[in-house]
């Protein structure tokens, strides 16, 4: 694949993913999730496309997939092993770190992934071309450890840095 075609592919994929991401953030905001941030890595969590905190204090992670191959590649990540083994938190240097969110959901364009392809612990949401979300499968509660003040402050810090400095932390 040549350089120009690689650039077009990256732009196209990022654009589709960014549009879904923006729509999802608004959808979560309307559902009273707060704080909400995107492309978050920290506090033990790895590569969250979108992460939010519910009113009840549960951590929700949303993984956006725009292709079947991207969906299939996701399962080589360690975080899926942690979810299967129920390794939700660890203590690092005396502080609790999260390895998995309480709830994990794949978000894809309508019909891209089917319910029977999604692991038992994961949910599935489709977004239509008009931007409407449909819950195909609700995620299961992976663990009951709620976000603490430190975790919420880290999410808020991540979001603030994006707004103030226009960069991903």
N, C-alpha and C. Protein backbone atom coordinates (compact mmCIF):
# COMPACT_ATOMS: atom_id res chain seq x y z
N UNK A 1 0.85 -1.16 0.00
CA UNK A 1 0.00 0.00 0.00
C UNK A 1 0.90 1.22 0.00
N UNK A 2 0.64 2.16 -0.92
CA UNK A 2 1.43 3.38 -1.02
C UNK A 2 1.11 4.36 0.08
N UNK A 3 1.94 5.38 0.18
CA UNK A 3 1.79 6.37 1.24
C UNK A 3 0.45 7.11 1.13
N UNK A 4 0.09 7.54 -0.09
CA UNK A 4 -1.16 8.29 -0.25
C UNK A 4 -2.38 7.46 0.12
N UNK A 5 -2.38 6.20 -0.27
CA UNK A 5 -3.54 5.37 0.08
C UNK A 5 -3.58 5.11 1.58
N UNK A 6 -2.41 5.00 2.21
CA UNK A 6 -2.37 4.83 3.67
C UNK A 6 -2.95 6.05 4.37
N UNK A 7 -2.58 7.23 3.88
CA UNK A 7 -3.08 8.47 4.48
C UNK A 7 -4.59 8.57 4.31
N UNK A 8 -5.09 8.25 3.12
CA UNK A 8 -6.55 8.29 2.89
C UNK A 8 -7.26 7.32 3.83
N UNK A 9 -6.70 6.13 4.00
CA UNK A 9 -7.31 5.12 4.87
C UNK A 9 -7.35 5.62 6.31
N UNK A 10 -6.25 6.18 6.78
CA UNK A 10 -6.18 6.69 8.15
C UNK A 10 -7.20 7.81 8.33
N UNK A 11 -7.24 8.76 7.40
CA UNK A 11 -8.19 9.87 7.51
C UNK A 11 -9.62 9.36 7.51
N UNK A 12 -9.93 8.43 6.63
CA UNK A 12 -11.29 7.91 6.54
C UNK A 12 -11.65 7.20 7.84
N UNK A 13 -10.80 6.32 8.30
CA UNK A 13 -11.11 5.58 9.52
C UNK A 13 -11.23 6.50 10.72
N UNK A 14 -10.32 7.46 10.86
CA UNK A 14 -10.38 8.38 11.98
C UNK A 14 -11.62 9.25 11.91
N UNK A 15 -12.00 9.65 10.73
CA UNK A 15 -13.18 10.49 10.55
C UNK A 15 -14.44 9.75 10.98
N UNK A 16 -14.60 8.53 10.52
CA UNK A 16 -15.78 7.73 10.89
C UNK A 16 -15.81 7.50 12.40
N UNK A 17 -14.68 7.13 12.94
CA UNK A 17 -14.58 6.88 14.37
C UNK A 17 -14.84 8.15 15.17
N UNK A 18 -14.29 9.28 14.72
CA UNK A 18 -14.49 10.56 15.41
C UNK A 18 -15.94 10.98 15.39
N UNK A 19 -16.62 10.75 14.28
CA UNK A 19 -18.05 11.09 14.21
C UNK A 19 -18.86 10.25 15.18
N UNK A 20 -18.57 8.97 15.25
CA UNK A 20 -19.27 8.09 16.19
C UNK A 20 -18.94 8.51 17.62
N UNK A 21 -17.67 8.80 17.86
CA UNK A 21 -17.22 9.24 19.18
C UNK A 21 -17.99 10.49 19.63
N UNK A 22 -18.07 11.49 18.78
CA UNK A 22 -18.76 12.74 19.12
C UNK A 22 -20.24 12.48 19.40
N UNK A 23 -20.87 11.66 18.58
CA UNK A 23 -22.29 11.33 18.78
C UNK A 23 -22.49 10.57 20.09
N UNK A 24 -21.58 9.65 20.38
CA UNK A 24 -21.68 8.85 21.61
C UNK A 24 -21.52 9.73 22.85
N UNK A 25 -20.58 10.65 22.81
CA UNK A 25 -20.38 11.54 23.96
C UNK A 25 -21.66 12.34 24.23
N UNK A 26 -22.28 12.85 23.19
CA UNK A 26 -23.54 13.60 23.36
C UNK A 26 -24.63 12.69 23.91
N UNK A 27 -24.71 11.47 23.38
CA UNK A 27 -25.71 10.49 23.85
C UNK A 27 -25.51 10.22 25.35
N UNK A 28 -24.27 10.01 25.77
CA UNK A 28 -23.99 9.74 27.19
C UNK A 28 -24.31 10.95 28.06
N UNK A 29 -23.99 12.12 27.56
CA UNK A 29 -24.29 13.35 28.29
C UNK A 29 -25.80 13.47 28.52
N UNK A 30 -26.58 13.15 27.51
CA UNK A 30 -28.04 13.19 27.63
C UNK A 30 -28.53 12.15 28.63
N UNK A 31 -27.76 11.07 28.83
CA UNK A 31 -28.13 10.02 29.79
C UNK A 31 -27.57 10.31 31.18
N UNK A 32 -27.04 11.52 31.39
CA UNK A 32 -26.53 12.00 32.69
C UNK A 32 -25.24 11.34 33.13
N UNK A 33 -24.44 10.83 32.20
CA UNK A 33 -23.11 10.35 32.56
C UNK A 33 -22.19 11.57 32.66
N UNK A 34 -21.36 11.61 33.71
CA UNK A 34 -20.42 12.70 33.86
C UNK A 34 -19.40 12.34 34.93
N UNK A 35 -18.12 12.57 34.72
CA UNK A 35 -17.52 13.12 33.52
C UNK A 35 -17.45 12.09 32.39
N UNK A 36 -17.26 12.61 31.19
CA UNK A 36 -17.08 11.79 29.99
C UNK A 36 -15.83 12.28 29.30
N UNK A 37 -14.97 11.37 28.88
CA UNK A 37 -13.81 11.79 28.10
C UNK A 37 -13.51 10.75 27.03
N UNK A 38 -12.66 11.12 26.11
CA UNK A 38 -12.32 10.26 24.97
C UNK A 38 -10.83 9.96 24.97
N UNK A 39 -10.49 8.85 24.32
CA UNK A 39 -9.11 8.42 24.17
C UNK A 39 -8.34 8.52 25.48
N UNK A 40 -8.89 7.86 26.48
CA UNK A 40 -8.34 7.92 27.84
C UNK A 40 -7.47 6.71 28.12
N UNK A 41 -6.30 6.96 28.65
CA UNK A 41 -5.43 5.91 29.19
C UNK A 41 -4.95 6.42 30.54
N UNK A 42 -5.17 5.67 31.56
CA UNK A 42 -4.72 6.10 32.87
C UNK A 42 -5.41 5.34 33.97
N UNK A 43 -4.89 5.49 35.18
CA UNK A 43 -5.44 4.85 36.37
C UNK A 43 -5.54 3.34 36.19
N UNK A 44 -4.70 2.78 35.33
CA UNK A 44 -4.69 1.33 35.10
C UNK A 44 -5.46 0.92 33.86
N UNK A 45 -6.39 1.75 33.39
CA UNK A 45 -7.16 1.43 32.19
C UNK A 45 -6.29 1.65 30.95
N UNK A 46 -6.49 0.81 29.96
CA UNK A 46 -5.72 0.93 28.72
C UNK A 46 -6.63 1.29 27.56
N UNK A 47 -6.25 2.29 26.81
CA UNK A 47 -6.89 2.68 25.54
C UNK A 47 -8.41 2.64 25.52
N UNK A 48 -9.04 3.50 26.24
CA UNK A 48 -10.50 3.62 26.18
C UNK A 48 -10.86 4.64 25.12
N UNK A 49 -11.67 4.24 24.14
CA UNK A 49 -12.12 5.22 23.14
C UNK A 49 -12.99 6.28 23.81
N UNK A 50 -13.96 5.83 24.58
CA UNK A 50 -14.81 6.73 25.36
C UNK A 50 -15.01 6.09 26.72
N UNK A 51 -14.88 6.89 27.77
CA UNK A 51 -15.11 6.39 29.13
C UNK A 51 -15.98 7.42 29.85
N UNK A 52 -16.92 6.91 30.65
CA UNK A 52 -17.82 7.80 31.38
C UNK A 52 -18.11 7.21 32.75
N UNK A 53 -18.65 8.06 33.60
CA UNK A 53 -19.06 7.65 34.94
C UNK A 53 -20.56 7.89 35.06
N UNK A 54 -21.28 6.87 35.50
CA UNK A 54 -22.73 7.01 35.69
C UNK A 54 -23.02 7.73 37.00
N UNK A 55 -24.28 8.12 37.20
CA UNK A 55 -24.68 8.75 38.46
C UNK A 55 -24.37 7.86 39.65
N UNK A 56 -24.46 6.54 39.44
CA UNK A 56 -24.22 5.58 40.52
C UNK A 56 -22.72 5.37 40.78
N UNK A 57 -21.86 5.97 39.96
CA UNK A 57 -20.42 5.85 40.18
C UNK A 57 -19.75 4.71 39.44
N UNK A 58 -20.48 4.06 38.53
CA UNK A 58 -19.89 2.98 37.75
C UNK A 58 -19.14 3.52 36.54
N UNK A 59 -18.06 2.83 36.18
CA UNK A 59 -17.23 3.21 35.05
C UNK A 59 -17.72 2.45 33.82
N UNK A 60 -18.00 3.18 32.75
CA UNK A 60 -18.44 2.60 31.48
C UNK A 60 -17.37 2.85 30.43
N UNK A 61 -16.95 1.79 29.75
CA UNK A 61 -16.01 1.93 28.65
C UNK A 61 -16.71 1.56 27.35
N UNK A 62 -16.48 2.38 26.33
CA UNK A 62 -17.05 2.16 25.01
C UNK A 62 -15.92 2.04 24.00
N UNK A 63 -15.90 0.96 23.28
CA UNK A 63 -14.89 0.70 22.25
C UNK A 63 -15.55 0.85 20.90
N UNK A 64 -15.10 1.83 20.13
CA UNK A 64 -15.69 2.12 18.82
C UNK A 64 -14.96 1.30 17.76
N UNK A 65 -15.74 0.58 16.97
CA UNK A 65 -15.19 -0.23 15.88
C UNK A 65 -15.88 0.14 14.58
N UNK A 66 -15.07 0.44 13.55
CA UNK A 66 -15.63 0.82 12.25
C UNK A 66 -15.37 -0.23 11.18
N UNK A 67 -14.69 -1.32 11.57
CA UNK A 67 -14.46 -2.41 10.61
C UNK A 67 -14.45 -3.74 11.36
N UNK A 68 -14.77 -4.78 10.67
CA UNK A 68 -14.76 -6.12 11.28
C UNK A 68 -13.34 -6.53 11.68
N UNK A 69 -12.37 -6.19 10.85
CA UNK A 69 -10.98 -6.57 11.16
C UNK A 69 -10.50 -5.87 12.44
N UNK A 70 -10.88 -4.62 12.62
CA UNK A 70 -10.52 -3.90 13.84
C UNK A 70 -11.18 -4.56 15.05
N UNK A 71 -12.43 -4.97 14.91
CA UNK A 71 -13.14 -5.66 15.98
C UNK A 71 -12.41 -6.95 16.36
N UNK A 72 -12.03 -7.76 15.37
CA UNK A 72 -11.36 -9.03 15.64
C UNK A 72 -9.99 -8.84 16.28
N UNK A 73 -9.26 -7.80 15.85
CA UNK A 73 -7.93 -7.51 16.42
C UNK A 73 -8.01 -7.10 17.88
N UNK A 74 -9.13 -6.57 18.30
CA UNK A 74 -9.26 -6.05 19.66
C UNK A 74 -9.03 -7.14 20.72
N UNK A 75 -9.31 -8.38 20.39
CA UNK A 75 -9.27 -9.44 21.39
C UNK A 75 -7.87 -9.92 21.73
N UNK A 76 -6.85 -9.39 21.07
CA UNK A 76 -5.48 -9.72 21.47
C UNK A 76 -5.01 -8.83 22.61
N UNK A 77 -5.80 -7.80 22.93
CA UNK A 77 -5.45 -6.88 24.00
C UNK A 77 -5.61 -7.54 25.36
N UNK A 78 -4.72 -7.19 26.26
CA UNK A 78 -4.72 -7.76 27.61
C UNK A 78 -6.00 -7.44 28.38
N UNK A 79 -6.61 -6.29 28.08
CA UNK A 79 -7.80 -5.91 28.86
C UNK A 79 -8.92 -6.93 28.74
N UNK A 80 -9.04 -7.59 27.59
CA UNK A 80 -10.09 -8.60 27.44
C UNK A 80 -9.80 -9.82 28.31
N UNK A 81 -8.53 -10.15 28.48
CA UNK A 81 -8.17 -11.25 29.38
C UNK A 81 -8.51 -10.89 30.81
N UNK A 82 -8.26 -9.63 31.19
CA UNK A 82 -8.60 -9.17 32.54
C UNK A 82 -10.10 -9.28 32.79
N UNK A 83 -10.90 -8.96 31.79
CA UNK A 83 -12.36 -9.04 31.95
C UNK A 83 -12.81 -10.48 32.11
N UNK A 84 -12.20 -11.37 31.34
CA UNK A 84 -12.55 -12.78 31.44
C UNK A 84 -12.15 -13.37 32.78
N UNK A 85 -11.02 -12.93 33.31
CA UNK A 85 -10.51 -13.46 34.57
C UNK A 85 -10.99 -12.68 35.78
N UNK A 86 -11.81 -11.68 35.53
CA UNK A 86 -12.34 -10.81 36.58
C UNK A 86 -11.23 -10.12 37.36
N UNK A 87 -10.11 -9.85 36.70
CA UNK A 87 -9.04 -9.05 37.30
C UNK A 87 -9.40 -7.58 37.07
N UNK A 88 -10.16 -7.00 37.97
CA UNK A 88 -10.67 -5.66 37.72
C UNK A 88 -9.78 -4.56 38.27
N UNK A 89 -9.11 -4.81 39.36
CA UNK A 89 -8.26 -3.79 39.96
C UNK A 89 -6.97 -4.41 40.46
N UNK A 90 -5.99 -3.55 40.67
CA UNK A 90 -4.75 -3.98 41.31
C UNK A 90 -4.26 -2.81 42.15
N UNK A 91 -3.40 -3.10 43.09
CA UNK A 91 -2.80 -2.05 43.89
C UNK A 91 -1.39 -1.84 43.36
N UNK A 92 -1.08 -0.61 43.01
CA UNK A 92 0.23 -0.26 42.47
C UNK A 92 0.77 0.90 43.28
N UNK A 93 1.92 0.68 43.92
CA UNK A 93 2.54 1.71 44.76
C UNK A 93 1.56 2.25 45.79
N UNK A 94 0.81 1.35 46.38
CA UNK A 94 -0.12 1.72 47.43
C UNK A 94 -1.43 2.32 46.98
N UNK A 95 -1.64 2.45 45.67
CA UNK A 95 -2.87 3.04 45.17
C UNK A 95 -3.64 2.05 44.31
N UNK A 96 -4.96 2.10 44.42
CA UNK A 96 -5.80 1.22 43.61
C UNK A 96 -5.78 1.68 42.16
N UNK A 97 -5.61 0.73 41.26
CA UNK A 97 -5.63 1.00 39.83
C UNK A 97 -6.70 0.11 39.21
N UNK A 98 -7.42 0.63 38.23
CA UNK A 98 -8.46 -0.13 37.55
C UNK A 98 -7.88 -0.79 36.31
N UNK A 99 -8.16 -2.07 36.11
CA UNK A 99 -7.74 -2.77 34.91
C UNK A 99 -8.89 -2.90 33.93
N UNK A 100 -10.09 -2.85 34.44
CA UNK A 100 -11.28 -2.91 33.59
C UNK A 100 -12.34 -1.96 34.15
N UNK A 101 -13.20 -1.51 33.26
CA UNK A 101 -14.35 -0.71 33.67
C UNK A 101 -15.40 -1.66 34.27
N UNK A 102 -16.42 -1.08 34.87
CA UNK A 102 -17.51 -1.91 35.39
C UNK A 102 -18.33 -2.50 34.25
N UNK A 103 -18.49 -1.72 33.19
CA UNK A 103 -19.26 -2.14 32.02
C UNK A 103 -18.45 -1.84 30.76
N UNK A 104 -18.50 -2.74 29.79
CA UNK A 104 -17.75 -2.60 28.55
C UNK A 104 -18.70 -2.83 27.37
N UNK A 105 -18.71 -1.89 26.41
CA UNK A 105 -19.62 -1.98 25.27
C UNK A 105 -18.90 -1.66 23.97
N UNK A 106 -19.15 -2.45 22.94
CA UNK A 106 -18.69 -2.15 21.59
C UNK A 106 -19.73 -1.26 20.93
N UNK A 107 -19.27 -0.25 20.20
CA UNK A 107 -20.16 0.64 19.46
C UNK A 107 -19.73 0.56 18.00
N UNK A 108 -20.67 0.17 17.13
CA UNK A 108 -20.34 -0.01 15.72
C UNK A 108 -21.44 0.58 14.83
N UNK A 109 -21.11 0.83 13.57
CA UNK A 109 -22.18 1.18 12.63
C UNK A 109 -23.20 0.03 12.58
N UNK A 110 -24.42 0.39 12.31
CA UNK A 110 -25.53 -0.57 12.30
C UNK A 110 -25.21 -1.80 11.47
N UNK A 111 -25.35 -2.99 12.10
CA UNK A 111 -25.19 -4.26 11.40
C UNK A 111 -23.76 -4.74 11.21
N UNK A 112 -22.75 -3.95 11.58
CA UNK A 112 -21.35 -4.36 11.35
C UNK A 112 -20.99 -5.60 12.16
N UNK A 113 -21.39 -5.63 13.40
CA UNK A 113 -21.12 -6.75 14.31
C UNK A 113 -22.46 -7.25 14.82
N UNK A 114 -22.59 -8.56 14.96
CA UNK A 114 -23.83 -9.15 15.44
C UNK A 114 -23.70 -9.52 16.92
N UNK A 115 -24.81 -9.63 17.58
CA UNK A 115 -24.85 -9.92 19.01
C UNK A 115 -24.09 -11.19 19.38
N UNK A 116 -24.19 -12.23 18.57
CA UNK A 116 -23.53 -13.50 18.91
C UNK A 116 -22.00 -13.45 18.74
N UNK A 117 -21.47 -12.37 18.17
CA UNK A 117 -20.02 -12.22 18.02
C UNK A 117 -19.38 -11.53 19.22
N UNK A 118 -20.21 -10.95 20.07
CA UNK A 118 -19.73 -10.16 21.20
C UNK A 118 -19.55 -11.08 22.42
N UNK A 119 -18.43 -10.92 23.16
CA UNK A 119 -18.22 -11.76 24.35
C UNK A 119 -19.35 -11.59 25.38
N UNK A 120 -19.46 -12.57 26.25
CA UNK A 120 -20.52 -12.59 27.26
C UNK A 120 -20.55 -11.32 28.10
N UNK A 121 -19.39 -10.80 28.49
CA UNK A 121 -19.31 -9.64 29.38
C UNK A 121 -19.62 -8.32 28.67
N UNK A 122 -19.53 -8.28 27.35
CA UNK A 122 -19.62 -7.02 26.61
C UNK A 122 -21.02 -6.73 26.09
N UNK A 123 -21.28 -5.44 25.96
CA UNK A 123 -22.51 -4.99 25.34
C UNK A 123 -22.25 -4.63 23.89
N UNK A 124 -23.32 -4.35 23.17
CA UNK A 124 -23.22 -3.95 21.76
C UNK A 124 -24.25 -2.86 21.49
N UNK A 125 -23.76 -1.75 20.93
CA UNK A 125 -24.62 -0.66 20.49
C UNK A 125 -24.36 -0.41 19.02
N UNK A 126 -25.42 -0.16 18.29
CA UNK A 126 -25.29 0.23 16.89
C UNK A 126 -25.65 1.69 16.77
N UNK A 127 -24.97 2.36 15.84
CA UNK A 127 -25.34 3.73 15.49
C UNK A 127 -25.82 3.71 14.05
N UNK A 128 -26.98 4.30 13.82
CA UNK A 128 -27.55 4.34 12.47
C UNK A 128 -26.90 5.48 11.69
N UNK A 129 -27.15 5.52 10.40
CA UNK A 129 -26.62 6.61 9.57
C UNK A 129 -27.17 7.97 10.01
N UNK A 130 -28.34 7.97 10.63
CA UNK A 130 -28.93 9.23 11.11
C UNK A 130 -28.40 9.62 12.49
N UNK A 131 -27.55 8.78 13.10
CA UNK A 131 -26.94 9.10 14.38
C UNK A 131 -27.69 8.61 15.60
N UNK A 132 -28.68 7.76 15.40
CA UNK A 132 -29.45 7.20 16.51
C UNK A 132 -28.76 5.94 17.04
N UNK A 133 -28.74 5.80 18.36
CA UNK A 133 -28.13 4.61 18.98
C UNK A 133 -29.20 3.59 19.34
N UNK A 134 -28.87 2.32 19.10
CA UNK A 134 -29.74 1.22 19.48
C UNK A 134 -28.92 0.25 20.31
N UNK A 135 -29.43 -0.08 21.49
CA UNK A 135 -28.74 -1.08 22.33
C UNK A 135 -29.17 -2.45 21.84
N UNK A 136 -28.21 -3.20 21.32
CA UNK A 136 -28.46 -4.55 20.82
C UNK A 136 -28.30 -5.55 21.95
N UNK A 137 -27.29 -5.31 22.78
CA UNK A 137 -27.02 -6.20 23.92
C UNK A 137 -26.50 -5.35 25.07
N UNK A 138 -27.11 -5.49 26.23
CA UNK A 138 -26.64 -4.76 27.41
C UNK A 138 -25.40 -5.46 27.97
N UNK A 139 -24.42 -4.67 28.43
CA UNK A 139 -23.23 -5.29 29.01
C UNK A 139 -23.52 -5.85 30.40
N UNK A 140 -22.74 -6.85 30.80
CA UNK A 140 -22.87 -7.39 32.14
C UNK A 140 -21.96 -6.62 33.09
N UNK A 141 -22.35 -6.56 34.35
CA UNK A 141 -21.51 -5.94 35.37
C UNK A 141 -20.27 -6.83 35.55
N UNK A 142 -19.10 -6.28 35.27
CA UNK A 142 -17.86 -7.05 35.36
C UNK A 142 -17.37 -7.11 36.80
N UNK A 143 -17.49 -6.00 37.52
CA UNK A 143 -17.12 -5.95 38.94
C UNK A 143 -17.88 -4.81 39.60
N UNK A 144 -17.89 -4.77 40.93
CA UNK A 144 -18.68 -3.79 41.67
C UNK A 144 -17.86 -2.65 42.26
N UNK A 145 -16.57 -2.59 41.95
CA UNK A 145 -15.72 -1.52 42.49
C UNK A 145 -16.02 -0.23 41.73
N UNK A 146 -16.57 0.74 42.44
CA UNK A 146 -16.97 2.00 41.80
C UNK A 146 -15.77 2.95 41.70
N UNK A 147 -15.94 3.93 40.83
CA UNK A 147 -14.91 4.96 40.67
C UNK A 147 -14.82 5.76 41.97
N UNK A 148 -13.59 6.03 42.40
CA UNK A 148 -13.42 6.87 43.58
C UNK A 148 -13.11 8.30 43.12
N UNK A 149 -12.96 9.20 44.07
CA UNK A 149 -12.72 10.61 43.75
C UNK A 149 -11.46 10.79 42.90
N UNK A 150 -10.42 10.03 43.19
CA UNK A 150 -9.16 10.13 42.44
C UNK A 150 -9.38 9.78 40.97
N UNK A 151 -10.13 8.73 40.72
CA UNK A 151 -10.41 8.30 39.35
C UNK A 151 -11.22 9.37 38.61
N UNK A 152 -12.24 9.88 39.26
CA UNK A 152 -13.09 10.90 38.64
C UNK A 152 -12.27 12.16 38.36
N UNK A 153 -11.42 12.53 39.29
CA UNK A 153 -10.56 13.71 39.07
C UNK A 153 -9.61 13.49 37.89
N UNK A 154 -9.09 12.27 37.72
CA UNK A 154 -8.20 11.97 36.59
C UNK A 154 -8.94 12.10 35.26
N UNK A 155 -10.18 11.61 35.22
CA UNK A 155 -10.99 11.77 34.00
C UNK A 155 -11.24 13.25 33.72
N UNK A 156 -11.59 14.00 34.75
CA UNK A 156 -11.85 15.43 34.57
C UNK A 156 -10.58 16.15 34.13
N UNK A 157 -9.44 15.77 34.68
CA UNK A 157 -8.16 16.37 34.28
C UNK A 157 -7.88 16.08 32.81
N UNK A 158 -8.09 14.85 32.39
CA UNK A 158 -7.87 14.46 31.00
C UNK A 158 -8.74 15.31 30.07
N UNK A 159 -9.99 15.48 30.42
CA UNK A 159 -10.91 16.26 29.60
C UNK A 159 -10.50 17.73 29.59
N UNK A 160 -10.12 18.26 30.73
CA UNK A 160 -9.69 19.66 30.81
C UNK A 160 -8.46 19.92 29.94
N UNK A 161 -7.50 19.01 29.98
CA UNK A 161 -6.30 19.17 29.15
C UNK A 161 -6.66 19.20 27.67
N UNK A 162 -7.60 18.38 27.27
CA UNK A 162 -8.03 18.38 25.87
C UNK A 162 -8.67 19.70 25.49
N UNK A 163 -9.47 20.25 26.38
CA UNK A 163 -10.15 21.51 26.08
C UNK A 163 -9.19 22.70 26.12
N UNK A 164 -8.33 22.75 27.12
CA UNK A 164 -7.43 23.88 27.29
C UNK A 164 -6.25 23.84 26.34
N UNK A 165 -5.62 22.68 26.26
CA UNK A 165 -4.38 22.57 25.47
C UNK A 165 -4.59 21.94 24.10
N UNK A 166 -5.82 21.49 23.83
CA UNK A 166 -6.15 20.86 22.53
C UNK A 166 -5.25 19.68 22.23
N UNK A 167 -4.97 18.90 23.28
CA UNK A 167 -4.15 17.71 23.04
C UNK A 167 -4.60 16.57 23.92
N UNK A 168 -4.32 15.35 23.45
CA UNK A 168 -4.69 14.16 24.19
C UNK A 168 -3.60 13.86 25.20
N UNK A 169 -4.02 13.60 26.44
CA UNK A 169 -3.07 13.27 27.51
C UNK A 169 -3.12 11.78 27.77
